[in-house]
Each structure stands twice: as structure tokens, then as C-alpha cells.
Amino acid sequence: MVDSVLLFSGGLDSFMAYLYLKNVKGENVKPVYYNIGTRYTNEEVEHIKSLPFADEVLFIDKISLGDLECDDAFVPNRNILLATHATSFSNKVWIGGSLSDRVGDNKKEVFDALSDLLTKVNGRLIRISSPFWNSYKCDLTSMIVHSLKLCSASDLVSNTFSCYNPTKRVREIEYSLAGCEVRKYSTKECLYCPACFRKGAALFAASIKRPFYNQELINKYQTDFKNQLHNTPRKLATLSYCSYLQNGA
């Protein structure tokens, strides 16, 4: 068994968790990627294999959850199933869960209960946790880039992949940094789906301005978050990104 493993998808959450665990917590953590056979896994694999630390990633190709995938790309209980399997490799499993997550299988109380259950079942102490339980994704991007300086803003854009409906061909996408410096990166991200929107909103909180092209979805997020009672960091970051997309400022 290895010291600890991290459920790694190549998206913002798992990428930031990898950097934080390795460089701040000093964890000897091994990223594990599960190819579960969804519509976007081939592009995730392609992206992860291009990362500087790709040789550290353990690829698991024998678990298929594609038949469970919903029309909106949600796979019910995915994180619970994968975290349970990952305890075969280590007693300590990390995920990238944060306060921004609204799905039930990415919450602290769920994984505390699952850890206790698996401990009883296996007769050994098992812990499944996240270094980001008490943080919002929008705060994490700023912390990783600006406060802790664990990577550059460009690395956070180009070294992460979040998309439910990847394009067939690689495109050059322009984005801007603080001070209006324009840069480009190559990606198959569609910039049209909910996953792309959430990545764009989190990046915007770190002063990274990336386009998004689905006006209907922008309107939906804007309405949904305006109607929320509490001004959480996620709400404010999402509305700020919507305002930028609507008004260009």
C-alpha cells in the first residue's frame, strides 16, 4: 500500500488538491484516475497524460459507470464508489471536495460516515477526506495562484480539464490575466457546458478571464444565484463572472 491516494480527474479541484497536498502538507500522495467510461473520459485521459507529473498517475480502466451517466453527465454516487475502491491502495484517500459542491457524494459528513463504515468492514483504520472541506473553489484558485504561489495562473488554466461535452478537435482559446494580458491555450473544452462554466467562474475569482458561450446557461446561473438568500463566496463569484460575460467588465 502507498501512503495516500488522491482521486484525480484532471479538473480544478483534484489538480489544486494535488499541489496543496504535495507542497503544503508534504503528503506522499499518489494520484489515481478512474476511466469510468463516460462521454468525456477519453479526453480526460488524453489531458492527464500530457501533464508534467503524468508518470505519477495510476490509471484504472476496469471500472465502468458509463451506464449510470445521466443526460446532464451526472453519475450518481460516483465519488462514493471510487473512494471505496481506492481504499484497496491505501488507508488514506483524498478527494477534492469543497464547500462549492452541491452533490451529496462530495460532502464531509458523507465521507466521515463512509470512513467509519469501511473501517468496521475491513478491520483497519480508513480515512477518506479532502483538504478543502472548509473552502470555496473560488477562494482556492486565488490561494493556489496568488497566496501560496503553487502554480501560475496559466498553469491553472491549461493544466486542468473540465468539460462534459468535449469538442472533437483541439482549439486555441484566448483568456486574459490581471492587467489584460492576453494568452492562449489549446483545449477540447467546449466552453458551453456547466462544467466549463464552473471552471470559468472559479478562474475568474483568481483574476483569470475566460470566455463562455452559452447565453442560456449564463442567464440560468445568474437567476439561480440571485435568488439565493445567503451571499456566499460561491454566489458572489458566480454573479461576478456572469456580469463579466454579460457586460465585458
Protein backbone atom coordinates (compact mmCIF):
# COMPACT_ATOMS: atom_id res chain seq x y z
CA MET A 1 0.00 0.00 0.00
CA VAL A 2 1.07 3.59 -0.66
CA ASP A 3 0.93 6.35 1.97
CA SER A 4 -2.14 8.02 0.47
CA VAL A 5 -4.02 8.31 -2.81
CA LEU A 6 -5.96 11.15 -4.41
CA LEU A 7 -8.97 10.66 -6.65
CA PHE A 8 -7.69 12.57 -9.66
CA SER A 9 -9.83 13.69 -12.59
CA GLY A 10 -7.58 16.39 -14.03
CA GLY A 11 -10.11 19.10 -13.15
CA LEU A 12 -9.53 22.16 -10.99
CA ASP A 13 -10.40 20.50 -7.66
CA SER A 14 -8.12 17.48 -7.96
CA PHE A 15 -5.30 19.48 -9.58
CA MET A 16 -5.30 22.03 -6.75
CA ALA A 17 -5.58 19.24 -4.16
CA TYR A 18 -2.52 17.51 -5.65
CA LEU A 19 -0.44 20.70 -5.49
CA TYR A 20 -1.60 21.52 -1.98
CA LEU A 21 -1.09 18.04 -0.53
CA LYS A 22 2.37 17.64 -2.09
CA ASN A 23 3.78 21.11 -1.49
CA VAL A 24 1.99 22.40 1.62
CA LYS A 25 1.07 19.28 3.58
CA GLY A 26 4.12 17.26 2.48
CA GLU A 27 1.93 14.25 1.67
CA ASN A 28 3.44 11.38 -0.28
CA VAL A 29 0.25 11.15 -2.32
CA LYS A 30 -0.36 9.13 -5.48
CA PRO A 31 -2.99 10.41 -7.95
CA VAL A 32 -5.42 7.73 -9.16
CA TYR A 33 -7.53 8.21 -12.28
CA TYR A 34 -10.54 6.01 -12.94
CA ASN A 35 -11.65 5.72 -16.56
CA ILE A 36 -15.32 5.06 -15.86
CA GLY A 37 -16.48 5.14 -19.47
CA THR A 38 -18.40 8.41 -19.58
CA ARG A 39 -18.71 10.68 -22.61
CA TYR A 40 -15.67 12.74 -21.60
CA THR A 41 -13.23 10.22 -20.10
CA ASN A 42 -11.15 9.77 -23.26
CA GLU A 43 -10.40 13.48 -23.32
CA GLU A 44 -9.59 13.44 -19.59
CA VAL A 45 -7.10 10.61 -20.12
CA GLU A 46 -5.53 12.43 -23.06
CA HIS A 47 -5.17 15.57 -20.98
CA ILE A 48 -3.78 13.87 -17.85
CA LYS A 49 -1.16 12.05 -19.91
CA SER A 50 0.13 15.45 -21.06
CA LEU A 51 0.71 16.74 -17.51
CA PRO A 52 4.26 17.15 -16.14
CA PHE A 53 3.57 14.57 -13.39
CA ALA A 54 1.70 12.10 -15.62
CA ASP A 55 4.12 9.30 -14.74
CA GLU A 56 2.93 9.51 -11.11
CA VAL A 57 -0.72 8.85 -12.00
CA LEU A 58 -2.16 5.37 -11.58
CA PHE A 59 -4.72 4.73 -14.34
CA ILE A 60 -7.56 2.30 -13.59
CA ASP A 61 -9.50 1.17 -16.67
CA LYS A 62 -11.58 -1.72 -15.35
CA ILE A 63 -14.46 0.15 -13.69
CA SER A 64 -17.32 1.21 -15.95
CA LEU A 65 -20.00 3.57 -14.68
CA GLY A 66 -20.99 4.92 -18.08
CA ASP A 67 -24.33 3.08 -17.96
CA LEU A 68 -25.23 5.17 -14.90
CA GLU A 69 -24.47 8.51 -16.56
CA CYS A 70 -27.47 10.85 -16.67
CA ASP A 71 -28.33 13.19 -19.53
CA ASP A 72 -26.64 16.07 -17.69
CA ALA A 73 -23.42 14.00 -17.30
CA PHE A 74 -24.01 13.37 -13.58
CA VAL A 75 -23.03 9.89 -12.37
CA PRO A 76 -24.89 9.10 -9.12
CA ASN A 77 -22.67 8.17 -6.15
CA ARG A 78 -19.56 8.20 -8.33
CA ASN A 79 -17.25 9.58 -5.66
CA ILE A 80 -18.51 7.12 -3.05
CA LEU A 81 -17.92 4.17 -5.37
CA LEU A 82 -14.47 5.30 -6.48
CA ALA A 83 -13.31 6.28 -2.99
CA THR A 84 -14.38 2.87 -1.70
CA HIS A 85 -12.36 1.16 -4.43
CA ALA A 86 -9.36 3.43 -3.78
CA THR A 87 -9.07 2.11 -0.21
CA SER A 88 -7.60 -1.01 -1.84
CA PHE A 89 -4.46 1.04 -2.48
CA SER A 90 -4.20 2.99 0.78
CA ASN A 91 -5.88 3.52 4.14
CA LYS A 92 -5.91 7.25 3.42
CA VAL A 93 -7.88 8.51 0.42
CA TRP A 94 -8.09 12.16 -0.57
CA ILE A 95 -10.77 13.78 -2.73
CA GLY A 96 -11.13 17.37 -3.94
CA GLY A 97 -14.39 18.17 -2.15
CA SER A 98 -15.10 21.78 -1.15
CA LEU A 99 -17.91 24.00 0.11
CA SER A 100 -18.79 24.73 -3.52
CA ASP A 101 -20.02 21.18 -4.08
CA ARG A 102 -23.77 20.72 -4.02
CA VAL A 103 -23.87 16.97 -4.74
CA GLY A 104 -24.35 14.64 -1.77
CA ASP A 105 -21.40 12.38 -2.55
CA ASN A 106 -18.85 15.17 -2.09
CA LYS A 107 -19.64 16.26 1.45
CA LYS A 108 -17.62 15.86 4.64
CA GLU A 109 -20.37 14.20 6.68
CA VAL A 110 -20.89 11.60 3.96
CA PHE A 111 -17.22 10.63 3.81
CA ASP A 112 -16.83 10.68 7.59
CA ALA A 113 -19.66 8.12 7.75
CA LEU A 114 -18.19 6.11 4.86
CA SER A 115 -14.77 6.10 6.55
CA ASP A 116 -16.29 4.71 9.74
CA LEU A 117 -18.22 2.07 7.81
CA LEU A 118 -15.18 0.91 5.81
CA THR A 119 -13.08 0.86 8.97
CA LYS A 120 -15.56 -1.55 10.56
CA VAL A 121 -15.86 -3.68 7.42
CA ASN A 122 -12.11 -4.01 6.83
CA GLY A 123 -10.82 -4.06 10.41
CA ARG A 124 -8.30 -1.28 9.74
CA LEU A 125 -8.47 2.48 10.16
CA ILE A 126 -9.59 4.05 6.88
CA ARG A 127 -9.98 7.78 6.31
CA ILE A 128 -11.45 9.48 3.24
CA SER A 129 -11.10 13.23 3.37
CA SER A 130 -10.50 16.47 1.50
CA PRO A 131 -8.00 19.25 2.31
CA PHE A 132 -10.65 21.75 1.17
CA TRP A 133 -13.78 20.88 3.18
CA ASN A 134 -13.95 24.39 4.64
CA SER A 135 -13.14 26.39 1.50
CA TYR A 136 -14.97 27.53 -1.61
CA LYS A 137 -13.47 26.78 -5.01
CA CYS A 138 -13.32 30.47 -5.91
CA ASP A 139 -11.19 31.13 -2.81
CA LEU A 140 -8.97 28.14 -3.56
CA THR A 141 -7.98 29.29 -7.05
CA SER A 142 -6.84 32.65 -5.69
CA MET A 143 -4.99 30.96 -2.81
CA ILE A 144 -3.20 28.46 -5.04
CA VAL A 145 -2.07 31.11 -7.56
CA HIS A 146 -1.63 34.30 -5.54
CA SER A 147 -1.15 33.44 -1.85
CA LEU A 148 0.69 30.11 -1.92
CA LYS A 149 2.08 30.54 -5.46
CA LEU A 150 1.92 26.79 -6.08
CA CYS A 151 1.44 27.35 -9.81
CA SER A 152 0.97 30.17 -12.28
CA ALA A 153 -2.40 31.38 -13.49
CA SER A 154 -1.58 29.93 -16.91
CA ASP A 155 -0.88 26.52 -15.36
CA LEU A 156 -4.25 26.56 -13.64
CA VAL A 157 -5.94 27.21 -16.98
CA SER A 158 -4.04 24.87 -19.28
CA ASN A 159 -3.16 22.04 -16.86
CA THR A 160 -6.78 21.40 -15.88
CA PHE A 161 -9.63 19.92 -17.93
CA SER A 162 -13.31 20.30 -17.05
CA CYS A 163 -15.90 19.62 -19.73
CA TYR A 164 -18.95 17.40 -20.17
CA ASN A 165 -19.10 17.65 -23.97
CA PRO A 166 -15.57 17.97 -25.35
CA THR A 167 -15.06 19.08 -28.93
CA LYS A 168 -13.61 16.62 -31.42
CA ARG A 169 -10.74 18.90 -32.35
CA VAL A 170 -8.28 20.93 -30.30
CA ARG A 171 -8.98 24.65 -30.37
CA GLU A 172 -6.92 27.70 -29.41
CA ILE A 173 -8.74 29.60 -26.67
CA GLU A 174 -7.84 33.12 -25.60
CA TYR A 175 -8.04 34.24 -21.98
CA SER A 176 -6.72 37.27 -20.12
CA LEU A 177 -4.93 37.77 -16.84
CA ALA A 178 -4.86 40.70 -14.43
CA GLY A 179 -3.62 43.72 -16.35
CA CYS A 180 -5.41 42.50 -19.51
CA GLU A 181 -2.50 40.35 -20.69
CA VAL A 182 -3.97 38.03 -23.35
CA ARG A 183 -2.77 34.44 -23.61
CA LYS A 184 -3.83 31.28 -25.45
CA TYR A 185 -4.08 27.60 -24.65
CA SER A 186 -5.03 24.50 -26.61
CA THR A 187 -8.04 22.53 -25.41
CA LYS A 188 -11.02 20.40 -26.33
CA GLU A 189 -13.17 22.08 -23.66
CA CYS A 190 -16.43 23.22 -25.26
CA LEU A 191 -16.89 26.40 -23.16
CA TYR A 192 -20.62 25.72 -23.42
CA CYS A 193 -21.48 23.17 -20.68
CA PRO A 194 -21.99 23.53 -16.88
CA ALA A 195 -18.54 22.10 -16.11
CA CYS A 196 -16.89 24.72 -18.33
CA PHE A 197 -18.94 27.47 -16.70
CA ARG A 198 -17.97 26.41 -13.18
CA LYS A 199 -14.30 26.31 -14.16
CA GLY A 200 -14.59 29.77 -15.70
CA ALA A 201 -16.25 31.19 -12.58
CA ALA A 202 -13.56 29.72 -10.30
CA LEU A 203 -10.79 31.04 -12.55
CA PHE A 204 -12.41 34.48 -12.63
CA ALA A 205 -12.00 34.68 -8.85
CA ALA A 206 -8.24 34.39 -9.44
CA SER A 207 -8.35 37.28 -11.96
CA ILE A 208 -8.35 34.93 -14.94
CA LYS A 209 -10.94 35.92 -17.55
CA ARG A 210 -12.00 33.04 -19.77
CA PRO A 211 -14.89 33.22 -22.26
CA PHE A 212 -18.08 31.15 -22.10
CA TYR A 213 -20.54 30.94 -24.98
CA ASN A 214 -23.84 29.51 -23.70
CA GLN A 215 -26.02 32.56 -23.04
CA GLU A 216 -28.96 30.47 -21.88
CA LEU A 217 -26.84 28.83 -19.19
CA ILE A 218 -25.37 32.18 -18.14
CA ASN A 219 -28.89 33.51 -17.63
CA LYS A 220 -29.86 30.41 -15.64
CA TYR A 221 -26.88 30.68 -13.28
CA GLN A 222 -27.46 34.39 -12.86
CA THR A 223 -31.11 33.87 -11.93
CA ASP A 224 -30.45 30.89 -9.67
CA PHE A 225 -27.75 32.62 -7.65
CA LYS A 226 -29.55 35.95 -7.40
CA ASN A 227 -32.40 34.07 -5.74
CA GLN A 228 -30.17 32.51 -3.09
CA LEU A 229 -30.65 34.10 0.32
CA HIS A 230 -27.07 34.00 1.57
CA ASN A 231 -24.17 35.86 -0.04
CA THR A 232 -21.67 33.00 -0.02
CA PRO A 233 -18.31 33.37 -1.81
CA ARG A 234 -19.61 30.96 -4.46
CA LYS A 235 -22.68 33.10 -5.09
CA LEU A 236 -20.67 36.33 -5.34
CA ALA A 237 -18.02 34.75 -7.58
CA THR A 238 -20.64 33.26 -9.89
CA LEU A 239 -22.55 36.54 -10.22
CA SER A 240 -19.31 38.43 -10.86
CA TYR A 241 -18.41 36.02 -13.66
CA CYS A 242 -21.92 36.31 -15.13
CA SER A 243 -21.63 40.10 -15.04
CA TYR A 244 -18.29 39.94 -16.83
CA LEU A 245 -19.71 37.63 -19.51
CA GLN A 246 -22.76 39.86 -19.96
CA ASN A 247 -21.03 43.23 -19.88
CA GLY A 248 -17.37 42.53 -20.61
CA ALA A 249 -16.22 44.24 -17.41
